[in-house]
Amino acid sequence: MIALELAFNDDPRRLDARPAHRAHLARLHEQGVLVMAGPWADDSGALLVFRADEAALDEIMSTDPYYSMPGVSVVAKRAWNPIVGA
């Protein structure tokens, strides 16, 4: 699994891309690729957990322009080994 952490700033352009991004995430969840995703409570960023290797996640990110939108920064992309709830 890979955990992806995003940070948001005040640039409103990211909000224009958010509906398509969330629809894309819903499809990935239905396919079993996205385990969970959601914004921090203060909307300063988000955490997404994928059941994918790094190459697959890079492909996912390249097909969703949200990750390169002004206002969205990838803070961390880290392999994760859950021991409970995997």
PDB file of N, CA and C in Angstrom:
ATOM      1  N   MET A   1       0.841  -1.180   0.000  1.00  0.00           N
ATOM      2  CA  MET A   1       0.000   0.000   0.000  1.00  0.00           C
ATOM      3  C   MET A   1       0.883   1.238   0.000  1.00  0.00           C
ATOM      4  N   ILE A   2       0.314   2.307  -0.507  1.00  0.00           N
ATOM      5  CA  ILE A   2       1.013   3.585  -0.507  1.00  0.00           C
ATOM      6  C   ILE A   2       0.085   4.650   0.066  1.00  0.00           C
ATOM      7  N   ALA A   3       0.628   5.427   0.996  1.00  0.00           N
ATOM      8  CA  ALA A   3      -0.095   6.565   1.555  1.00  0.00           C
ATOM      9  C   ALA A   3       0.384   7.816   0.838  1.00  0.00           C
ATOM     10  N   LEU A   4      -0.580   8.620   0.403  1.00  0.00           N
ATOM     11  CA  LEU A   4      -0.288   9.861  -0.305  1.00  0.00           C
ATOM     12  C   LEU A   4      -0.837  11.012   0.516  1.00  0.00           C
ATOM     13  N   GLU A   5       0.030  11.944   0.888  1.00  0.00           N
ATOM     14  CA  GLU A   5      -0.408  13.110   1.657  1.00  0.00           C
ATOM     15  C   GLU A   5      -0.348  14.344   0.775  1.00  0.00           C
ATOM     16  N   LEU A   6      -1.443  15.090   0.777  1.00  0.00           N
ATOM     17  CA  LEU A   6      -1.535  16.322   0.005  1.00  0.00           C
ATOM     18  C   LEU A   6      -1.653  17.513   0.940  1.00  0.00           C
ATOM     19  N   ALA A   7      -1.206  18.663   0.469  1.00  0.00           N
ATOM     20  CA  ALA A   7      -1.401  19.931   1.170  1.00  0.00           C
ATOM     21  C   ALA A   7      -2.147  20.863   0.216  1.00  0.00           C
ATOM     22  N   PHE A   8      -3.038  21.659   0.759  1.00  0.00           N
ATOM     23  CA  PHE A   8      -3.813  22.621  -0.027  1.00  0.00           C
ATOM     24  C   PHE A   8      -3.444  24.032   0.393  1.00  0.00           C
ATOM     25  N   ASN A   9      -3.495  24.950  -0.579  1.00  0.00           N
ATOM     26  CA  ASN A   9      -3.396  26.363  -0.230  1.00  0.00           C
ATOM     27  C   ASN A   9      -4.679  27.060  -0.685  1.00  0.00           C
ATOM     28  N   ASP A  10      -4.708  28.367  -0.641  1.00  0.00           N
ATOM     29  CA  ASP A  10      -5.939  29.105  -0.907  1.00  0.00           C
ATOM     30  C   ASP A  10      -6.263  29.300  -2.383  1.00  0.00           C
ATOM     31  N   ASP A  11      -5.467  28.779  -3.278  1.00  0.00           N
ATOM     32  CA  ASP A  11      -5.737  28.956  -4.699  1.00  0.00           C
ATOM     33  C   ASP A  11      -7.065  28.274  -5.047  1.00  0.00           C
ATOM     34  N   PRO A  12      -8.062  29.020  -5.517  1.00  0.00           N
ATOM     35  CA  PRO A  12      -9.390  28.450  -5.757  1.00  0.00           C
ATOM     36  C   PRO A  12      -9.463  27.526  -6.968  1.00  0.00           C
ATOM     37  N   ARG A  13      -8.430  27.493  -7.815  1.00  0.00           N
ATOM     38  CA  ARG A  13      -8.484  26.646  -9.011  1.00  0.00           C
ATOM     39  C   ARG A  13      -8.580  25.163  -8.676  1.00  0.00           C
ATOM     40  N   ARG A  14      -8.081  24.766  -7.524  1.00  0.00           N
ATOM     41  CA  ARG A  14      -8.174  23.339  -7.171  1.00  0.00           C
ATOM     42  C   ARG A  14      -9.624  22.922  -6.997  1.00  0.00           C
ATOM     43  N   LEU A  15     -10.466  23.855  -6.552  1.00  0.00           N
ATOM     44  CA  LEU A  15     -11.883  23.529  -6.341  1.00  0.00           C
ATOM     45  C   LEU A  15     -12.591  23.236  -7.657  1.00  0.00           C
ATOM     46  N   ASP A  16     -12.115  23.838  -8.755  1.00  0.00           N
ATOM     47  CA  ASP A  16     -12.698  23.560 -10.064  1.00  0.00           C
ATOM     48  C   ASP A  16     -12.462  22.118 -10.484  1.00  0.00           C
ATOM     49  N   ALA A  17     -11.342  21.563 -10.100  1.00  0.00           N
ATOM     50  CA  ALA A  17     -10.978  20.195 -10.485  1.00  0.00           C
ATOM     51  C   ALA A  17     -11.494  19.154  -9.499  1.00  0.00           C
ATOM     52  N   ARG A  18     -11.969  19.581  -8.351  1.00  0.00           N
ATOM     53  CA  ARG A  18     -12.330  18.622  -7.296  1.00  0.00           C
ATOM     54  C   ARG A  18     -13.465  17.672  -7.673  1.00  0.00           C
ATOM     55  N   PRO A  19     -14.559  18.109  -8.331  1.00  0.00           N
ATOM     56  CA  PRO A  19     -15.613  17.134  -8.663  1.00  0.00           C
ATOM     57  C   PRO A  19     -15.121  15.978  -9.541  1.00  0.00           C
ATOM     58  N   ALA A  20     -14.331  16.283 -10.565  1.00  0.00           N
ATOM     59  CA  ALA A  20     -13.809  15.216 -11.421  1.00  0.00           C
ATOM     60  C   ALA A  20     -12.836  14.335 -10.643  1.00  0.00           C
ATOM     61  N   HIS A  21     -12.034  14.952  -9.776  1.00  0.00           N
ATOM     62  CA  HIS A  21     -11.092  14.203  -8.944  1.00  0.00           C
ATOM     63  C   HIS A  21     -11.839  13.225  -8.044  1.00  0.00           C
ATOM     64  N   ARG A  22     -12.893  13.691  -7.412  1.00  0.00           N
ATOM     65  CA  ARG A  22     -13.645  12.813  -6.510  1.00  0.00           C
ATOM     66  C   ARG A  22     -14.356  11.697  -7.265  1.00  0.00           C
ATOM     67  N   ALA A  23     -14.832  11.968  -8.471  1.00  0.00           N
ATOM     68  CA  ALA A  23     -15.438  10.915  -9.289  1.00  0.00           C
ATOM     69  C   ALA A  23     -14.383   9.869  -9.654  1.00  0.00           C
ATOM     70  N   HIS A  24     -13.190  10.329  -9.970  1.00  0.00           N
ATOM     71  CA  HIS A  24     -12.081   9.416 -10.277  1.00  0.00           C
ATOM     72  C   HIS A  24     -11.747   8.558  -9.056  1.00  0.00           C
ATOM     73  N   LEU A  25     -11.717   9.185  -7.882  1.00  0.00           N
ATOM     74  CA  LEU A  25     -11.444   8.429  -6.655  1.00  0.00           C
ATOM     75  C   LEU A  25     -12.526   7.390  -6.393  1.00  0.00           C
ATOM     76  N   ALA A  26     -13.778   7.743  -6.654  1.00  0.00           N
ATOM     77  CA  ALA A  26     -14.879   6.787  -6.446  1.00  0.00           C
ATOM     78  C   ALA A  26     -14.699   5.564  -7.338  1.00  0.00           C
ATOM     79  N   ARG A  27     -14.288   5.777  -8.580  1.00  0.00           N
ATOM     80  CA  ARG A  27     -14.042   4.642  -9.489  1.00  0.00           C
ATOM     81  C   ARG A  27     -12.888   3.773  -8.982  1.00  0.00           C
ATOM     82  N   LEU A  28     -11.823   4.415  -8.517  1.00  0.00           N
ATOM     83  CA  LEU A  28     -10.689   3.658  -7.991  1.00  0.00           C
ATOM     84  C   LEU A  28     -11.079   2.862  -6.754  1.00  0.00           C
ATOM     85  N   HIS A  29     -11.942   3.432  -5.930  1.00  0.00           N
ATOM     86  CA  HIS A  29     -12.415   2.717  -4.734  1.00  0.00           C
ATOM     87  C   HIS A  29     -13.254   1.509  -5.143  1.00  0.00           C
ATOM     88  N   GLU A  30     -14.129   1.691  -6.112  1.00  0.00           N
ATOM     89  CA  GLU A  30     -14.949   0.573  -6.599  1.00  0.00           C
ATOM     90  C   GLU A  30     -14.076  -0.550  -7.149  1.00  0.00           C
ATOM     91  N   GLN A  31     -12.953  -0.195  -7.754  1.00  0.00           N
ATOM     92  CA  GLN A  31     -12.027  -1.188  -8.321  1.00  0.00           C
ATOM     93  C   GLN A  31     -11.136  -1.829  -7.257  1.00  0.00           C
ATOM     94  N   GLY A  32     -11.192  -1.311  -6.022  1.00  0.00           N
ATOM     95  CA  GLY A  32     -10.362  -1.859  -4.953  1.00  0.00           C
ATOM     96  C   GLY A  32      -8.960  -1.285  -4.909  1.00  0.00           C
ATOM     97  N   VAL A  33      -8.679  -0.277  -5.726  1.00  0.00           N
ATOM     98  CA  VAL A  33      -7.346   0.325  -5.767  1.00  0.00           C
ATOM     99  C   VAL A  33      -7.183   1.371  -4.669  1.00  0.00           C
ATOM    100  N   LEU A  34      -8.224   2.147  -4.430  1.00  0.00           N
ATOM    101  CA  LEU A  34      -8.203   3.160  -3.384  1.00  0.00           C
ATOM    102  C   LEU A  34      -8.871   2.588  -2.141  1.00  0.00           C
ATOM    103  N   VAL A  35      -8.133   2.532  -1.055  1.00  0.00           N
ATOM    104  CA  VAL A  35      -8.659   1.974   0.193  1.00  0.00           C
ATOM    105  C   VAL A  35      -9.502   3.015   0.921  1.00  0.00           C
ATOM    106  N   MET A  36      -8.946   4.210   1.068  1.00  0.00           N
ATOM    107  CA  MET A  36      -9.666   5.302   1.725  1.00  0.00           C
ATOM    108  C   MET A  36      -9.025   6.618   1.343  1.00  0.00           C
ATOM    109  N   ALA A  37      -9.821   7.687   1.465  1.00  0.00           N
ATOM    110  CA  ALA A  37      -9.314   9.016   1.131  1.00  0.00           C
ATOM    111  C   ALA A  37     -10.192  10.055   1.797  1.00  0.00           C
ATOM    112  N   GLY A  38      -9.586  11.174   2.132  1.00  0.00           N
ATOM    113  CA  GLY A  38     -10.370  12.269   2.670  1.00  0.00           C
ATOM    114  C   GLY A  38      -9.499  13.415   3.118  1.00  0.00           C
ATOM    115  N   PRO A  39     -10.124  14.590   3.224  1.00  0.00           N
ATOM    116  CA  PRO A  39      -9.382  15.778   3.640  1.00  0.00           C
ATOM    117  C   PRO A  39      -9.170  15.794   5.147  1.00  0.00           C
ATOM    118  N   TRP A  40      -8.127  16.507   5.556  1.00  0.00           N
ATOM    119  CA  TRP A  40      -7.958  16.777   6.983  1.00  0.00           C
ATOM    120  C   TRP A  40      -9.149  17.615   7.443  1.00  0.00           C
ATOM    121  N   ALA A  41      -9.489  17.542   8.697  1.00  0.00           N
ATOM    122  CA  ALA A  41     -10.657  18.250   9.237  1.00  0.00           C
ATOM    123  C   ALA A  41     -10.575  19.755   9.002  1.00  0.00           C
ATOM    124  N   ASP A  42      -9.365  20.310   8.947  1.00  0.00           N
ATOM    125  CA  ASP A  42      -9.219  21.751   8.730  1.00  0.00           C
ATOM    126  C   ASP A  42      -9.070  22.103   7.246  1.00  0.00           C
ATOM    127  N   ASP A  43      -9.220  21.130   6.361  1.00  0.00           N
ATOM    128  CA  ASP A  43      -9.124  21.291   4.913  1.00  0.00           C
ATOM    129  C   ASP A  43      -7.770  21.847   4.465  1.00  0.00           C
ATOM    130  N   SER A  44      -6.728  21.557   5.235  1.00  0.00           N
ATOM    131  CA  SER A  44      -5.379  21.997   4.862  1.00  0.00           C
ATOM    132  C   SER A  44      -4.692  21.007   3.926  1.00  0.00           C
ATOM    133  N   GLY A  45      -5.337  19.867   3.682  1.00  0.00           N
ATOM    134  CA  GLY A  45      -4.770  18.833   2.840  1.00  0.00           C
ATOM    135  C   GLY A  45      -5.608  17.579   2.936  1.00  0.00           C
ATOM    136  N   ALA A  46      -5.025  16.469   2.523  1.00  0.00           N
ATOM    137  CA  ALA A  46      -5.773  15.213   2.505  1.00  0.00           C
ATOM    138  C   ALA A  46      -4.811  14.039   2.628  1.00  0.00           C
ATOM    139  N   LEU A  47      -5.383  12.894   2.964  1.00  0.00           N
ATOM    140  CA  LEU A  47      -4.651  11.638   3.019  1.00  0.00           C
ATOM    141  C   LEU A  47      -5.396  10.628   2.164  1.00  0.00           C
ATOM    142  N   LEU A  48      -4.674   9.929   1.316  1.00  0.00           N
ATOM    143  CA  LEU A  48      -5.236   8.894   0.455  1.00  0.00           C
ATOM    144  C   LEU A  48      -4.396   7.639   0.622  1.00  0.00           C
ATOM    145  N   VAL A  49      -5.034   6.496   0.717  1.00  0.00           N
ATOM    146  CA  VAL A  49      -4.321   5.228   0.861  1.00  0.00           C
ATOM    147  C   VAL A  49      -4.703   4.339  -0.318  1.00  0.00           C
ATOM    148  N   PHE A  50      -3.698   3.943  -1.076  1.00  0.00           N
ATOM    149  CA  PHE A  50      -3.894   3.147  -2.284  1.00  0.00           C
ATOM    150  C   PHE A  50      -3.344   1.747  -2.098  1.00  0.00           C
ATOM    151  N   ARG A  51      -4.033   0.793  -2.679  1.00  0.00           N
ATOM    152  CA  ARG A  51      -3.530  -0.576  -2.774  1.00  0.00           C
ATOM    153  C   ARG A  51      -2.886  -0.682  -4.159  1.00  0.00           C
ATOM    154  N   ALA A  52      -1.652  -0.226  -4.239  1.00  0.00           N
ATOM    155  CA  ALA A  52      -0.946  -0.157  -5.526  1.00  0.00           C
ATOM    156  C   ALA A  52       0.545  -0.058  -5.258  1.00  0.00           C
ATOM    157  N   ASP A  53       1.324  -0.378  -6.277  1.00  0.00           N
ATOM    158  CA  ASP A  53       2.757  -0.132  -6.162  1.00  0.00           C
ATOM    159  C   ASP A  53       3.034   1.280  -6.676  1.00  0.00           C
ATOM    160  N   GLU A  54       4.276   1.704  -6.578  1.00  0.00           N
ATOM    161  CA  GLU A  54       4.603   3.089  -6.923  1.00  0.00           C
ATOM    162  C   GLU A  54       4.360   3.389  -8.400  1.00  0.00           C
ATOM    163  N   ALA A  55       4.666   2.445  -9.273  1.00  0.00           N
ATOM    164  CA  ALA A  55       4.448   2.660 -10.706  1.00  0.00           C
ATOM    165  C   ALA A  55       2.957   2.833 -11.004  1.00  0.00           C
ATOM    166  N   ALA A  56       2.131   2.002 -10.386  1.00  0.00           N
ATOM    167  CA  ALA A  56       0.677   2.117 -10.589  1.00  0.00           C
ATOM    168  C   ALA A  56       0.158   3.441 -10.040  1.00  0.00           C
ATOM    169  N   LEU A  57       0.668   3.862  -8.885  1.00  0.00           N
ATOM    170  CA  LEU A  57       0.222   5.135  -8.319  1.00  0.00           C
ATOM    171  C   LEU A  57       0.664   6.298  -9.205  1.00  0.00           C
ATOM    172  N   ASP A  58       1.863   6.235  -9.756  1.00  0.00           N
ATOM    173  CA  ASP A  58       2.311   7.288 -10.673  1.00  0.00           C
ATOM    174  C   ASP A  58       1.373   7.387 -11.874  1.00  0.00           C
ATOM    175  N   GLU A  59       0.927   6.258 -12.395  1.00  0.00           N
ATOM    176  CA  GLU A  59      -0.020   6.247 -13.514  1.00  0.00           C
ATOM    177  C   GLU A  59      -1.358   6.844 -13.091  1.00  0.00           C
ATOM    178  N   ILE A  60      -1.840   6.470 -11.919  1.00  0.00           N
ATOM    179  CA  ILE A  60      -3.097   7.025 -11.399  1.00  0.00           C
ATOM    180  C   ILE A  60      -2.993   8.538 -11.291  1.00  0.00           C
ATOM    181  N   MET A  61      -1.888   9.014 -10.735  1.00  0.00           N
ATOM    182  CA  MET A  61      -1.706  10.446 -10.544  1.00  0.00           C
ATOM    183  C   MET A  61      -1.585  11.181 -11.879  1.00  0.00           C
ATOM    184  N   SER A  62      -1.016  10.536 -12.885  1.00  0.00           N
ATOM    185  CA  SER A  62      -0.856  11.192 -14.182  1.00  0.00           C
ATOM    186  C   SER A  62      -2.176  11.330 -14.927  1.00  0.00           C
ATOM    187  N   THR A  63      -3.167  10.514 -14.584  1.00  0.00           N
ATOM    188  CA  THR A  63      -4.472  10.590 -15.252  1.00  0.00           C
ATOM    189  C   THR A  63      -5.463  11.464 -14.504  1.00  0.00           C
ATOM    190  N   ASP A  64      -5.075  11.995 -13.367  1.00  0.00           N
ATOM    191  CA  ASP A  64      -5.944  12.861 -12.570  1.00  0.00           C
ATOM    192  C   ASP A  64      -5.241  14.204 -12.388  1.00  0.00           C
ATOM    193  N   PRO A  65      -5.668  15.241 -13.114  1.00  0.00           N
ATOM    194  CA  PRO A  65      -4.954  16.517 -13.072  1.00  0.00           C
ATOM    195  C   PRO A  65      -4.993  17.218 -11.711  1.00  0.00           C
ATOM    196  N   TYR A  66      -5.815  16.737 -10.797  1.00  0.00           N
ATOM    197  CA  TYR A  66      -5.907  17.372  -9.481  1.00  0.00           C
ATOM    198  C   TYR A  66      -4.553  17.445  -8.792  1.00  0.00           C
ATOM    199  N   TYR A  67      -3.727  16.417  -8.985  1.00  0.00           N
ATOM    200  CA  TYR A  67      -2.445  16.348  -8.288  1.00  0.00           C
ATOM    201  C   TYR A  67      -1.443  17.394  -8.763  1.00  0.00           C
ATOM    202  N   SER A  68      -1.691  17.986  -9.920  1.00  0.00           N
ATOM    203  CA  SER A  68      -0.797  19.032 -10.412  1.00  0.00           C
ATOM    204  C   SER A  68      -1.487  20.395 -10.488  1.00  0.00           C
ATOM    205  N   MET A  69      -2.673  20.496  -9.913  1.00  0.00           N
ATOM    206  CA  MET A  69      -3.407  21.765  -9.919  1.00  0.00           C
ATOM    207  C   MET A  69      -2.736  22.778  -9.004  1.00  0.00           C
ATOM    208  N   PRO A  70      -2.779  24.060  -9.387  1.00  0.00           N
ATOM    209  CA  PRO A  70      -2.367  25.092  -8.428  1.00  0.00           C
ATOM    210  C   PRO A  70      -3.246  24.959  -7.182  1.00  0.00           C
ATOM    211  N   GLY A  71      -2.640  25.026  -6.040  1.00  0.00           N
ATOM    212  CA  GLY A  71      -3.386  24.863  -4.796  1.00  0.00           C
ATOM    213  C   GLY A  71      -3.250  23.483  -4.179  1.00  0.00           C
ATOM    214  N   VAL A  72      -2.679  22.536  -4.926  1.00  0.00           N
ATOM    215  CA  VAL A  72      -2.491  21.164  -4.427  1.00  0.00           C
ATOM    216  C   VAL A  72      -1.013  20.814  -4.521  1.00  0.00           C
ATOM    217  N   SER A  73      -0.439  20.373  -3.419  1.00  0.00           N
ATOM    218  CA  SER A  73       0.952  19.923  -3.397  1.00  0.00           C
ATOM    219  C   SER A  73       1.018  18.519  -2.820  1.00  0.00           C
ATOM    220  N   VAL A  74       1.820  17.677  -3.439  1.00  0.00           N
ATOM    221  CA  VAL A  74       2.069  16.348  -2.886  1.00  0.00           C
ATOM    222  C   VAL A  74       3.159  16.515  -1.834  1.00  0.00           C
ATOM    223  N   VAL A  75       2.795  16.242  -0.587  1.00  0.00           N
ATOM    224  CA  VAL A  75       3.726  16.393   0.534  1.00  0.00           C
ATOM    225  C   VAL A  75       4.548  15.123   0.713  1.00  0.00           C
ATOM    226  N   ALA A  76       3.890  13.976   0.586  1.00  0.00           N
ATOM    227  CA  ALA A  76       4.585  12.704   0.793  1.00  0.00           C
ATOM    228  C   ALA A  76       3.879  11.602   0.018  1.00  0.00           C
ATOM    229  N   LYS A  77       4.672  10.670  -0.461  1.00  0.00           N
ATOM    230  CA  LYS A  77       4.186   9.451  -1.108  1.00  0.00           C
ATOM    231  C   LYS A  77       5.036   8.343  -0.517  1.00  0.00           C
ATOM    232  N   ARG A  78       4.419   7.553   0.380  1.00  0.00           N
ATOM    233  CA  ARG A  78       5.218   6.604   1.151  1.00  0.00           C
ATOM    234  C   ARG A  78       4.600   5.215   1.148  1.00  0.00           C
ATOM    235  N   ALA A  79       5.440   4.209   0.968  1.00  0.00           N
ATOM    236  CA  ALA A  79       4.980   2.830   1.118  1.00  0.00           C
ATOM    237  C   ALA A  79       4.576   2.622   2.566  1.00  0.00           C
ATOM    238  N   TRP A  80       3.503   1.876   2.753  1.00  0.00           N
ATOM    239  CA  TRP A  80       2.947   1.677   4.089  1.00  0.00           C
ATOM    240  C   TRP A  80       2.640   0.215   4.289  1.00  0.00           C
ATOM    241  N   ASN A  81       3.007  -0.314   5.430  1.00  0.00           N
ATOM    242  CA  ASN A  81       2.768  -1.719   5.772  1.00  0.00           C
ATOM    243  C   ASN A  81       1.836  -1.819   6.966  1.00  0.00           C
ATOM    244  N   PRO A  82       0.518  -1.766   6.734  1.00  0.00           N
ATOM    245  CA  PRO A  82      -0.414  -1.857   7.859  1.00  0.00           C
ATOM    246  C   PRO A  82      -0.353  -3.234   8.513  1.00  0.00           C
ATOM    247  N   ILE A  83      -0.491  -3.248   9.837  1.00  0.00           N
ATOM    248  CA  ILE A  83      -0.505  -4.529  10.541  1.00  0.00           C
ATOM    249  C   ILE A  83      -1.893  -4.851  11.102  1.00  0.00           C
ATOM    250  N   VAL A  84      -2.767  -3.867  11.121  1.00  0.00           N
ATOM    251  CA  VAL A  84      -4.140  -4.066  11.570  1.00  0.00           C
ATOM    252  C   VAL A  84      -5.062  -3.488  10.511  1.00  0.00           C
ATOM    253  N   GLY A  85      -6.088  -4.232  10.141  1.00  0.00           N
ATOM    254  CA  GLY A  85      -7.074  -3.729   9.205  1.00  0.00           C
ATOM    255  C   GLY A  85      -6.664  -3.782   7.748  1.00  0.00           C
ATOM    256  N   ALA A  86      -5.631  -4.513   7.443  1.00  0.00           N
ATOM    257  CA  ALA A  86      -5.159  -4.557   6.044  1.00  0.00           C
ATOM    258  C   ALA A  86      -6.085  -5.393   5.199  1.00  0.00           C
TER     259      ALA A  86
END
